[in-house]
PDB file of N, CA and C in Angstrom:
ATOM      1  N   UNK A   1     -85.981  51.972  53.804  1.00  0.00           N
ATOM      2  CA  UNK A   1     -85.959  50.502  53.316  1.00  0.00           C
ATOM      3  C   UNK A   1     -85.674  50.043  51.959  1.00  0.00           C
ATOM      4  N   UNK A   2     -85.623  51.206  51.154  1.00  0.00           N
ATOM      5  CA  UNK A   2     -85.414  50.786  49.653  1.00  0.00           C
ATOM      6  C   UNK A   2     -83.936  50.438  49.592  1.00  0.00           C
ATOM      7  N   UNK A   3     -83.073  51.688  50.361  1.00  0.00           N
ATOM      8  CA  UNK A   3     -81.676  51.650  50.473  1.00  0.00           C
ATOM      9  C   UNK A   3     -81.180  50.499  51.109  1.00  0.00           C
ATOM     10  N   UNK A   4     -81.789  49.817  51.996  1.00  0.00           N
ATOM     11  CA  UNK A   4     -81.355  48.568  52.646  1.00  0.00           C
ATOM     12  C   UNK A   4     -81.716  47.529  51.418  1.00  0.00           C
ATOM     13  N   UNK A   5     -82.286  47.229  50.651  1.00  0.00           N
ATOM     14  CA  UNK A   5     -82.556  46.428  49.844  1.00  0.00           C
ATOM     15  C   UNK A   5     -81.538  46.465  48.648  1.00  0.00           C
ATOM     16  N   UNK A   6     -81.421  47.738  48.411  1.00  0.00           N
ATOM     17  CA  UNK A   6     -80.178  48.050  47.381  1.00  0.00           C
ATOM     18  C   UNK A   6     -79.102  47.462  47.662  1.00  0.00           C
ATOM     19  N   UNK A   7     -78.731  47.766  49.051  1.00  0.00           N
ATOM     20  CA  UNK A   7     -77.312  46.957  49.704  1.00  0.00           C
ATOM     21  C   UNK A   7     -77.388  45.885  49.779  1.00  0.00           C
ATOM     22  N   UNK A   8     -78.581  45.209  49.966  1.00  0.00           N
ATOM     23  CA  UNK A   8     -78.797  43.671  49.948  1.00  0.00           C
ATOM     24  C   UNK A   8     -78.485  43.188  48.791  1.00  0.00           C
ATOM     25  N   UNK A   9     -78.917  43.529  47.664  1.00  0.00           N
ATOM     26  CA  UNK A   9     -78.674  43.355  46.254  1.00  0.00           C
ATOM     27  C   UNK A   9     -77.164  43.612  46.117  1.00  0.00           C
ATOM     28  N   UNK A  10     -76.549  44.615  46.406  1.00  0.00           N
ATOM     29  CA  UNK A  10     -75.330  44.922  45.684  1.00  0.00           C
ATOM     30  C   UNK A  10     -74.489  43.671  46.473  1.00  0.00           C
ATOM     31  N   UNK A  11     -74.563  43.589  48.061  1.00  0.00           N
ATOM     32  CA  UNK A  11     -74.028  42.474  48.458  1.00  0.00           C
ATOM     33  C   UNK A  11     -73.977  40.879  47.768  1.00  0.00           C
ATOM     34  N   UNK A  12     -75.429  40.735  47.529  1.00  0.00           N
ATOM     35  CA  UNK A  12     -75.456  39.466  46.524  1.00  0.00           C
ATOM     36  C   UNK A  12     -74.535  39.445  45.215  1.00  0.00           C
ATOM     37  N   UNK A  13     -74.667  40.621  44.445  1.00  0.00           N
ATOM     38  CA  UNK A  13     -73.844  40.651  43.046  1.00  0.00           C
ATOM     39  C   UNK A  13     -72.442  40.179  43.612  1.00  0.00           C
ATOM     40  N   UNK A  14     -72.019  41.026  44.530  1.00  0.00           N
ATOM     41  CA  UNK A  14     -70.609  40.793  44.765  1.00  0.00           C
ATOM     42  C   UNK A  14     -70.263  39.407  45.446  1.00  0.00           C
ATOM     43  N   UNK A  15     -70.873  39.089  45.976  1.00  0.00           N
ATOM     44  CA  UNK A  15     -70.785  37.649  46.534  1.00  0.00           C
ATOM     45  C   UNK A  15     -70.762  36.593  45.547  1.00  0.00           C
ATOM     46  N   UNK A  16     -71.344  37.370  44.253  1.00  0.00           N
ATOM     47  CA  UNK A  16     -71.744  36.138  42.890  1.00  0.00           C
ATOM     48  C   UNK A  16     -70.138  36.259  42.319  1.00  0.00           C
ATOM     49  N   UNK A  17     -69.927  37.958  42.291  1.00  0.00           N
ATOM     50  CA  UNK A  17     -68.903  38.092  41.037  1.00  0.00           C
ATOM     51  C   UNK A  17     -67.272  37.927  41.652  1.00  0.00           C
ATOM     52  N   UNK A  18     -66.902  38.197  42.725  1.00  0.00           N
ATOM     53  CA  UNK A  18     -65.549  38.036  43.424  1.00  0.00           C
ATOM     54  C   UNK A  18     -65.127  36.594  43.242  1.00  0.00           C
ATOM     55  N   UNK A  19     -65.845  35.746  43.737  1.00  0.00           N
ATOM     56  CA  UNK A  19     -65.461  34.216  43.288  1.00  0.00           C
ATOM     57  C   UNK A  19     -64.639  34.373  42.062  1.00  0.00           C
ATOM     58  N   UNK A  20     -65.632  34.527  40.829  1.00  0.00           N
ATOM     59  CA  UNK A  20     -65.221  34.200  39.506  1.00  0.00           C
ATOM     60  C   UNK A  20     -64.026  35.148  39.434  1.00  0.00           C
ATOM     61  N   UNK A  21     -64.007  36.275  39.888  1.00  0.00           N
ATOM     62  CA  UNK A  21     -62.621  37.186  39.578  1.00  0.00           C
ATOM     63  C   UNK A  21     -61.494  36.376  40.324  1.00  0.00           C
ATOM     64  N   UNK A  22     -61.675  36.081  41.292  1.00  0.00           N
ATOM     65  CA  UNK A  22     -60.825  35.372  42.056  1.00  0.00           C
ATOM     66  C   UNK A  22     -59.789  34.358  41.453  1.00  0.00           C
ATOM     67  N   UNK A  23     -60.740  33.353  40.971  1.00  0.00           N
ATOM     68  CA  UNK A  23     -60.438  32.144  40.010  1.00  0.00           C
ATOM     69  C   UNK A  23     -59.696  32.492  38.961  1.00  0.00           C
ATOM     70  N   UNK A  24     -60.327  33.731  38.235  1.00  0.00           N
ATOM     71  CA  UNK A  24     -59.584  33.775  37.202  1.00  0.00           C
ATOM     72  C   UNK A  24     -58.373  34.644  37.106  1.00  0.00           C
ATOM     73  N   UNK A  25     -58.584  35.256  38.221  1.00  0.00           N
ATOM     74  CA  UNK A  25     -56.855  36.410  38.488  1.00  0.00           C
ATOM     75  C   UNK A  25     -55.654  35.031  39.055  1.00  0.00           C
ATOM     76  N   UNK A  26     -56.282  33.970  40.143  1.00  0.00           N
ATOM     77  CA  UNK A  26     -55.335  33.225  40.390  1.00  0.00           C
ATOM     78  C   UNK A  26     -54.834  32.039  39.278  1.00  0.00           C
ATOM     79  N   UNK A  27     -55.997  31.976  38.368  1.00  0.00           N
ATOM     80  CA  UNK A  27     -55.574  30.931  36.978  1.00  0.00           C
ATOM     81  C   UNK A  27     -54.380  31.954  36.508  1.00  0.00           C
ATOM     82  N   UNK A  28     -54.652  32.893  36.263  1.00  0.00           N
ATOM     83  CA  UNK A  28     -53.621  33.853  35.339  1.00  0.00           C
ATOM     84  C   UNK A  28     -52.318  33.927  35.936  1.00  0.00           C
ATOM     85  N   UNK A  29     -52.272  34.091  36.790  1.00  0.00           N
ATOM     86  CA  UNK A  29     -50.973  34.185  37.999  1.00  0.00           C
ATOM     87  C   UNK A  29     -50.413  32.836  37.807  1.00  0.00           C
ATOM     88  N   UNK A  30     -51.078  31.367  37.947  1.00  0.00           N
ATOM     89  CA  UNK A  30     -50.501  30.333  37.984  1.00  0.00           C
ATOM     90  C   UNK A  30     -50.173  29.850  36.303  1.00  0.00           C
ATOM     91  N   UNK A  31     -51.109  30.283  35.387  1.00  0.00           N
ATOM     92  CA  UNK A  31     -50.262  30.184  34.005  1.00  0.00           C
ATOM     93  C   UNK A  31     -49.027  30.828  33.848  1.00  0.00           C
ATOM     94  N   UNK A  32     -49.150  32.270  34.431  1.00  0.00           N
ATOM     95  CA  UNK A  32     -47.630  32.945  33.783  1.00  0.00           C
ATOM     96  C   UNK A  32     -46.352  32.267  34.497  1.00  0.00           C
ATOM     97  N   UNK A  33     -46.672  31.764  35.757  1.00  0.00           N
ATOM     98  CA  UNK A  33     -45.662  31.299  36.584  1.00  0.00           C
ATOM     99  C   UNK A  33     -45.074  29.990  35.947  1.00  0.00           C
ATOM    100  N   UNK A  34     -46.009  29.263  35.371  1.00  0.00           N
ATOM    101  CA  UNK A  34     -45.612  27.932  34.242  1.00  0.00           C
ATOM    102  C   UNK A  34     -45.037  28.110  33.237  1.00  0.00           C
ATOM    103  N   UNK A  35     -45.142  29.439  32.485  1.00  0.00           N
ATOM    104  CA  UNK A  35     -44.441  30.014  31.708  1.00  0.00           C
ATOM    105  C   UNK A  35     -42.572  30.439  31.870  1.00  0.00           C
ATOM    106  N   UNK A  36     -42.758  30.577  33.071  1.00  0.00           N
ATOM    107  CA  UNK A  36     -41.201  31.143  33.135  1.00  0.00           C
ATOM    108  C   UNK A  36     -40.362  30.159  33.311  1.00  0.00           C
ATOM    109  N   UNK A  37     -39.085  29.984  32.721  1.00  0.00           N
ATOM    110  CA  UNK A  37     -38.319  29.003  32.353  1.00  0.00           C
ATOM    111  C   UNK A  37     -37.020  29.150  33.234  1.00  0.00           C
ATOM    112  N   UNK A  38     -36.527  28.805  33.953  1.00  0.00           N
ATOM    113  CA  UNK A  38     -35.256  28.622  34.462  1.00  0.00           C
ATOM    114  C   UNK A  38     -34.075  29.117  33.155  1.00  0.00           C
ATOM    115  N   UNK A  39     -33.263  29.956  33.292  1.00  0.00           N
ATOM    116  CA  UNK A  39     -32.216  30.636  31.981  1.00  0.00           C
ATOM    117  C   UNK A  39     -32.877  31.504  31.386  1.00  0.00           C
ATOM    118  N   UNK A  40     -34.221  31.836  31.380  1.00  0.00           N
ATOM    119  CA  UNK A  40     -35.133  32.935  30.577  1.00  0.00           C
ATOM    120  C   UNK A  40     -34.132  34.333  31.057  1.00  0.00           C
ATOM    121  N   UNK A  41     -34.001  35.162  30.330  1.00  0.00           N
ATOM    122  CA  UNK A  41     -33.200  36.268  30.547  1.00  0.00           C
ATOM    123  C   UNK A  41     -34.037  37.036  31.551  1.00  0.00           C
ATOM    124  N   UNK A  42     -33.368  38.153  32.039  1.00  0.00           N
ATOM    125  CA  UNK A  42     -34.138  38.925  33.048  1.00  0.00           C
ATOM    126  C   UNK A  42     -35.408  40.370  31.891  1.00  0.00           C
ATOM    127  N   UNK A  43     -34.496  40.290  31.089  1.00  0.00           N
ATOM    128  CA  UNK A  43     -35.169  41.329  30.112  1.00  0.00           C
ATOM    129  C   UNK A  43     -36.403  40.781  29.549  1.00  0.00           C
ATOM    130  N   UNK A  44     -36.347  39.256  29.045  1.00  0.00           N
ATOM    131  CA  UNK A  44     -37.430  38.609  28.330  1.00  0.00           C
ATOM    132  C   UNK A  44     -38.529  38.427  29.092  1.00  0.00           C
ATOM    133  N   UNK A  45     -38.268  38.216  30.606  1.00  0.00           N
ATOM    134  CA  UNK A  45     -39.167  37.863  31.893  1.00  0.00           C
ATOM    135  C   UNK A  45     -39.957  38.961  32.082  1.00  0.00           C
ATOM    136  N   UNK A  46     -39.234  40.063  32.261  1.00  0.00           N
ATOM    137  CA  UNK A  46     -39.797  41.685  32.388  1.00  0.00           C
ATOM    138  C   UNK A  46     -40.977  42.040  30.977  1.00  0.00           C
ATOM    139  N   UNK A  47     -40.226  41.616  29.869  1.00  0.00           N
ATOM    140  CA  UNK A  47     -41.348  42.057  28.624  1.00  0.00           C
ATOM    141  C   UNK A  47     -42.770  41.002  28.804  1.00  0.00           C
ATOM    142  N   UNK A  48     -42.257  39.614  29.272  1.00  0.00           N
ATOM    143  CA  UNK A  48     -43.378  38.544  29.294  1.00  0.00           C
ATOM    144  C   UNK A  48     -44.464  39.108  30.301  1.00  0.00           C
ATOM    145  N   UNK A  49     -44.110  39.680  31.096  1.00  0.00           N
ATOM    146  CA  UNK A  49     -44.504  40.338  32.266  1.00  0.00           C
ATOM    147  C   UNK A  49     -45.590  41.574  31.757  1.00  0.00           C
ATOM    148  N   UNK A  50     -44.845  42.649  31.025  1.00  0.00           N
ATOM    149  CA  UNK A  50     -45.671  43.576  30.378  1.00  0.00           C
ATOM    150  C   UNK A  50     -46.705  43.146  29.434  1.00  0.00           C
ATOM    151  N   UNK A  51     -46.447  42.088  28.393  1.00  0.00           N
ATOM    152  CA  UNK A  51     -47.290  41.586  27.626  1.00  0.00           C
ATOM    153  C   UNK A  51     -48.768  40.901  28.254  1.00  0.00           C
ATOM    154  N   UNK A  52     -48.120  40.508  29.399  1.00  0.00           N
ATOM    155  CA  UNK A  52     -49.602  39.371  29.959  1.00  0.00           C
ATOM    156  C   UNK A  52     -50.284  40.500  30.904  1.00  0.00           C
ATOM    157  N   UNK A  53     -49.702  41.541  30.834  1.00  0.00           N
ATOM    158  CA  UNK A  53     -50.805  42.277  31.853  1.00  0.00           C
ATOM    159  C   UNK A  53     -50.714  41.937  32.996  1.00  0.00           C
ATOM    160  N   UNK A  54     -49.869  41.561  33.948  1.00  0.00           N
ATOM    161  CA  UNK A  54     -50.042  40.953  35.444  1.00  0.00           C
ATOM    162  C   UNK A  54     -49.350  42.304  36.287  1.00  0.00           C
ATOM    163  N   UNK A  55     -49.629  42.267  37.471  1.00  0.00           N
ATOM    164  CA  UNK A  55     -49.138  42.811  38.087  1.00  0.00           C
ATOM    165  C   UNK A  55     -47.947  42.665  38.642  1.00  0.00           C
ATOM    166  N   UNK A  56     -47.185  42.913  38.584  1.00  0.00           N
ATOM    167  CA  UNK A  56     -45.418  42.834  39.142  1.00  0.00           C
ATOM    168  C   UNK A  56     -44.909  43.372  39.778  1.00  0.00           C
ATOM    169  N   UNK A  57     -44.765  43.057  41.011  1.00  0.00           N
ATOM    170  CA  UNK A  57     -43.768  43.972  42.155  1.00  0.00           C
ATOM    171  C   UNK A  57     -42.350  43.728  41.825  1.00  0.00           C
ATOM    172  N   UNK A  58     -41.388  44.323  41.388  1.00  0.00           N
ATOM    173  CA  UNK A  58     -40.107  44.332  41.183  1.00  0.00           C
ATOM    174  C   UNK A  58     -39.609  44.034  39.692  1.00  0.00           C
ATOM    175  N   UNK A  59     -38.478  43.520  39.521  1.00  0.00           N
ATOM    176  CA  UNK A  59     -37.519  43.217  39.993  1.00  0.00           C
ATOM    177  C   UNK A  59     -36.562  44.067  40.994  1.00  0.00           C
ATOM    178  N   UNK A  60     -36.514  43.647  42.218  1.00  0.00           N
ATOM    179  CA  UNK A  60     -35.524  44.470  43.019  1.00  0.00           C
ATOM    180  C   UNK A  60     -34.398  43.529  43.360  1.00  0.00           C
ATOM    181  N   UNK A  61     -33.205  44.356  43.422  1.00  0.00           N
ATOM    182  CA  UNK A  61     -31.835  43.656  43.931  1.00  0.00           C
ATOM    183  C   UNK A  61     -31.813  43.364  45.249  1.00  0.00           C
ATOM    184  N   UNK A  62     -31.921  42.197  45.725  1.00  0.00           N
ATOM    185  CA  UNK A  62     -31.657  41.578  46.874  1.00  0.00           C
ATOM    186  C   UNK A  62     -30.048  41.867  47.551  1.00  0.00           C
ATOM    187  N   UNK A  63     -28.916  41.591  46.498  1.00  0.00           N
ATOM    188  CA  UNK A  63     -27.662  41.790  46.941  1.00  0.00           C
ATOM    189  C   UNK A  63     -27.099  42.342  45.533  1.00  0.00           C
ATOM    190  N   UNK A  64     -26.871  43.611  45.521  1.00  0.00           N
ATOM    191  CA  UNK A  64     -26.069  44.236  44.484  1.00  0.00           C
ATOM    192  C   UNK A  64     -24.808  43.316  43.914  1.00  0.00           C
ATOM    193  N   UNK A  65     -23.779  42.817  44.844  1.00  0.00           N
ATOM    194  CA  UNK A  65     -22.566  42.419  44.503  1.00  0.00           C
ATOM    195  C   UNK A  65     -22.572  41.254  44.050  1.00  0.00           C
ATOM    196  N   UNK A  66     -23.710  40.352  44.300  1.00  0.00           N
ATOM    197  CA  UNK A  66     -24.045  39.077  44.074  1.00  0.00           C
ATOM    198  C   UNK A  66     -24.878  38.935  42.696  1.00  0.00           C
ATOM    199  N   UNK A  67     -25.338  39.972  42.501  1.00  0.00           N
ATOM    200  CA  UNK A  67     -26.148  39.985  41.685  1.00  0.00           C
ATOM    201  C   UNK A  67     -27.456  39.329  41.496  1.00  0.00           C
ATOM    202  N   UNK A  68     -27.946  39.058  42.746  1.00  0.00           N
ATOM    203  CA  UNK A  68     -29.336  38.203  43.043  1.00  0.00           C
ATOM    204  C   UNK A  68     -30.688  39.267  42.980  1.00  0.00           C
ATOM    205  N   UNK A  69     -31.764  39.134  42.231  1.00  0.00           N
ATOM    206  CA  UNK A  69     -32.659  39.517  42.307  1.00  0.00           C
ATOM    207  C   UNK A  69     -34.154  39.041  42.836  1.00  0.00           C
ATOM    208  N   UNK A  70     -35.093  39.583  42.756  1.00  0.00           N
ATOM    209  CA  UNK A  70     -36.589  38.646  42.963  1.00  0.00           C
ATOM    210  C   UNK A  70     -37.712  39.665  42.446  1.00  0.00           C
ATOM    211  N   UNK A  71     -38.519  39.195  42.249  1.00  0.00           N
ATOM    212  CA  UNK A  71     -39.738  39.732  41.824  1.00  0.00           C
ATOM    213  C   UNK A  71     -41.010  39.098  42.094  1.00  0.00           C
ATOM    214  N   UNK A  72     -42.179  39.763  42.221  1.00  0.00           N
ATOM    215  CA  UNK A  72     -43.379  39.132  43.063  1.00  0.00           C
ATOM    216  C   UNK A  72     -44.604  39.175  41.889  1.00  0.00           C
ATOM    217  N   UNK A  73     -45.253  38.204  41.255  1.00  0.00           N
ATOM    218  CA  UNK A  73     -46.300  38.532  40.466  1.00  0.00           C
ATOM    219  C   UNK A  73     -47.691  38.511  41.722  1.00  0.00           C
ATOM    220  N   UNK A  74     -48.077  39.547  41.385  1.00  0.00           N
ATOM    221  CA  UNK A  74     -49.345  39.467  42.714  1.00  0.00           C
ATOM    222  C   UNK A  74     -50.673  39.279  41.817  1.00  0.00           C
ATOM    223  N   UNK A  75     -51.715  39.088  42.958  1.00  0.00           N
ATOM    224  CA  UNK A  75     -53.238  39.010  42.343  1.00  0.00           C
ATOM    225  C   UNK A  75     -53.727  40.552  42.459  1.00  0.00           C
ATOM    226  N   UNK A  76     -54.530  40.793  41.424  1.00  0.00           N
ATOM    227  CA  UNK A  76     -55.189  42.241  41.410  1.00  0.00           C
ATOM    228  C   UNK A  76     -56.576  41.917  42.520  1.00  0.00           C
ATOM    229  N   UNK A  77     -56.794  40.896  42.775  1.00  0.00           N
ATOM    230  CA  UNK A  77     -58.164  40.660  43.989  1.00  0.00           C
ATOM    231  C   UNK A  77     -57.792  40.771  44.853  1.00  0.00           C
ATOM    232  N   UNK A  78     -58.338  42.032  45.962  1.00  0.00           N
ATOM    233  CA  UNK A  78     -58.134  42.116  47.127  1.00  0.00           C
ATOM    234  C   UNK A  78     -58.617  40.628  48.076  1.00  0.00           C
ATOM    235  N   UNK A  79     -57.435  40.610  49.234  1.00  0.00           N
ATOM    236  CA  UNK A  79     -58.030  39.400  49.979  1.00  0.00           C
ATOM    237  C   UNK A  79     -57.418  38.052  49.892  1.00  0.00           C
ATOM    238  N   UNK A  80     -56.444  38.448  49.106  1.00  0.00           N
ATOM    239  CA  UNK A  80     -55.482  37.058  48.698  1.00  0.00           C
ATOM    240  C   UNK A  80     -54.353  37.444  48.521  1.00  0.00           C
ATOM    241  N   UNK A  81     -53.339  36.440  49.104  1.00  0.00           N
ATOM    242  CA  UNK A  81     -52.036  36.415  49.344  1.00  0.00           C
ATOM    243  C   UNK A  81     -51.333  35.362  48.065  1.00  0.00           C
ATOM    244  N   UNK A  82     -52.155  34.855  46.981  1.00  0.00           N
ATOM    245  CA  UNK A  82     -51.943  34.267  46.096  1.00  0.00           C
ATOM    246  C   UNK A  82     -50.885  34.851  45.067  1.00  0.00           C
ATOM    247  N   UNK A  83     -49.639  34.388  44.883  1.00  0.00           N
ATOM    248  CA  UNK A  83     -48.372  34.979  44.043  1.00  0.00           C
ATOM    249  C   UNK A  83     -47.736  34.200  43.464  1.00  0.00           C
ATOM    250  N   UNK A  84     -46.760  34.777  42.730  1.00  0.00           N
ATOM    251  CA  UNK A  84     -45.733  33.764  41.779  1.00  0.00           C
ATOM    252  C   UNK A  84     -44.485  34.869  42.367  1.00  0.00           C
ATOM    253  N   UNK A  85     -43.408  33.890  43.163  1.00  0.00           N
ATOM    254  CA  UNK A  85     -42.113  34.498  43.391  1.00  0.00           C
ATOM    255  C   UNK A  85     -41.113  34.274  42.155  1.00  0.00           C
ATOM    256  N   UNK A  86     -40.335  34.942  41.837  1.00  0.00           N
ATOM    257  CA  UNK A  86     -39.323  34.759  40.903  1.00  0.00           C
ATOM    258  C   UNK A  86     -38.174  35.172  41.552  1.00  0.00           C
ATOM    259  N   UNK A  87     -37.303  34.466  41.310  1.00  0.00           N
ATOM    260  CA  UNK A  87     -35.818  34.883  41.763  1.00  0.00           C
ATOM    261  C   UNK A  87     -34.763  34.589  40.685  1.00  0.00           C
ATOM    262  N   UNK A  88     -33.728  35.395  40.318  1.00  0.00           N
ATOM    263  CA  UNK A  88     -32.842  35.270  39.540  1.00  0.00           C
ATOM    264  C   UNK A  88     -31.742  35.669  39.821  1.00  0.00           C
ATOM    265  N   UNK A  89     -30.298  35.207  39.204  1.00  0.00           N
ATOM    266  CA  UNK A  89     -29.251  35.637  39.491  1.00  0.00           C
ATOM    267  C   UNK A  89     -28.358  36.272  38.222  1.00  0.00           C
ATOM    268  N   UNK A  90     -27.793  37.682  38.166  1.00  0.00           N
ATOM    269  CA  UNK A  90     -27.411  38.364  37.003  1.00  0.00           C
ATOM    270  C   UNK A  90     -28.515  38.761  36.133  1.00  0.00           C
ATOM    271  N   UNK A  91     -28.374  38.330  35.159  1.00  0.00           N
ATOM    272  CA  UNK A  91     -29.505  38.687  33.827  1.00  0.00           C
ATOM    273  C   UNK A  91     -30.111  37.261  33.311  1.00  0.00           C
ATOM    274  N   UNK A  92     -30.432  36.228  34.635  1.00  0.00           N
ATOM    275  CA  UNK A  92     -31.220  35.363  34.092  1.00  0.00           C
ATOM    276  C   UNK A  92     -32.139  34.874  35.161  1.00  0.00           C
ATOM    277  N   UNK A  93     -33.186  34.084  35.012  1.00  0.00           N
ATOM    278  CA  UNK A  93     -34.158  33.699  35.713  1.00  0.00           C
ATOM    279  C   UNK A  93     -33.733  32.372  36.418  1.00  0.00           C
ATOM    280  N   UNK A  94     -33.839  32.196  37.927  1.00  0.00           N
ATOM    281  CA  UNK A  94     -33.236  30.787  38.256  1.00  0.00           C
ATOM    282  C   UNK A  94     -34.271  29.914  38.755  1.00  0.00           C
ATOM    283  N   UNK A  95     -35.411  30.480  39.071  1.00  0.00           N
ATOM    284  CA  UNK A  95     -36.490  29.708  39.777  1.00  0.00           C
ATOM    285  C   UNK A  95     -37.705  30.650  40.024  1.00  0.00           C
ATOM    286  N   UNK A  96     -39.188  29.946  39.666  1.00  0.00           N
ATOM    287  CA  UNK A  96     -40.314  30.393  39.779  1.00  0.00           C
ATOM    288  C   UNK A  96     -41.216  29.544  40.604  1.00  0.00           C
ATOM    289  N   UNK A  97     -41.861  30.303  41.730  1.00  0.00           N
ATOM    290  CA  UNK A  97     -42.545  29.579  42.541  1.00  0.00           C
ATOM    291  C   UNK A  97     -43.970  29.873  42.988  1.00  0.00           C
ATOM    292  N   UNK A  98     -44.980  29.168  42.919  1.00  0.00           N
ATOM    293  CA  UNK A  98     -46.090  29.790  43.369  1.00  0.00           C
ATOM    294  C   UNK A  98     -46.276  29.719  44.820  1.00  0.00           C
ATOM    295  N   UNK A  99     -46.762  31.010  45.723  1.00  0.00           N
ATOM    296  CA  UNK A  99     -46.923  31.172  46.901  1.00  0.00           C
ATOM    297  C   UNK A  99     -48.557  31.266  47.239  1.00  0.00           C
ATOM    298  N   UNK A 100     -49.343  30.384  47.942  1.00  0.00           N
ATOM    299  CA  UNK A 100     -50.347  30.167  48.511  1.00  0.00           C
ATOM    300  C   UNK A 100     -50.709  30.237  49.741  1.00  0.00           C
ATOM    301  N   UNK A 101     -50.829  31.703  50.672  1.00  0.00           N
ATOM    302  CA  UNK A 101     -50.618  31.828  51.720  1.00  0.00           C
ATOM    303  C   UNK A 101     -52.260  31.534  52.335  1.00  0.00           C
TER     304      UNK A 101
END
């Protein structure tokens, strides 16, 4: 019985903490995406991502010949698809958009 009570307490604490973590994490991604400007260099973008301590996938080259690339800023919180997709050409950022699936 004591273990059951402990599990219930853990579930209640998780139910309180997760929404706060989710909101904090999605807000951090949104603020980062707003800071990215078209024309920013790829290296400045990567440095900004490192300085902001965000989780970035990429940049990956989509088309080596055309110089197109993309990167995705994803949330640390599980069970969310909230992200910021950054696309660029050559050595500069072209566009940054929020993806909320």
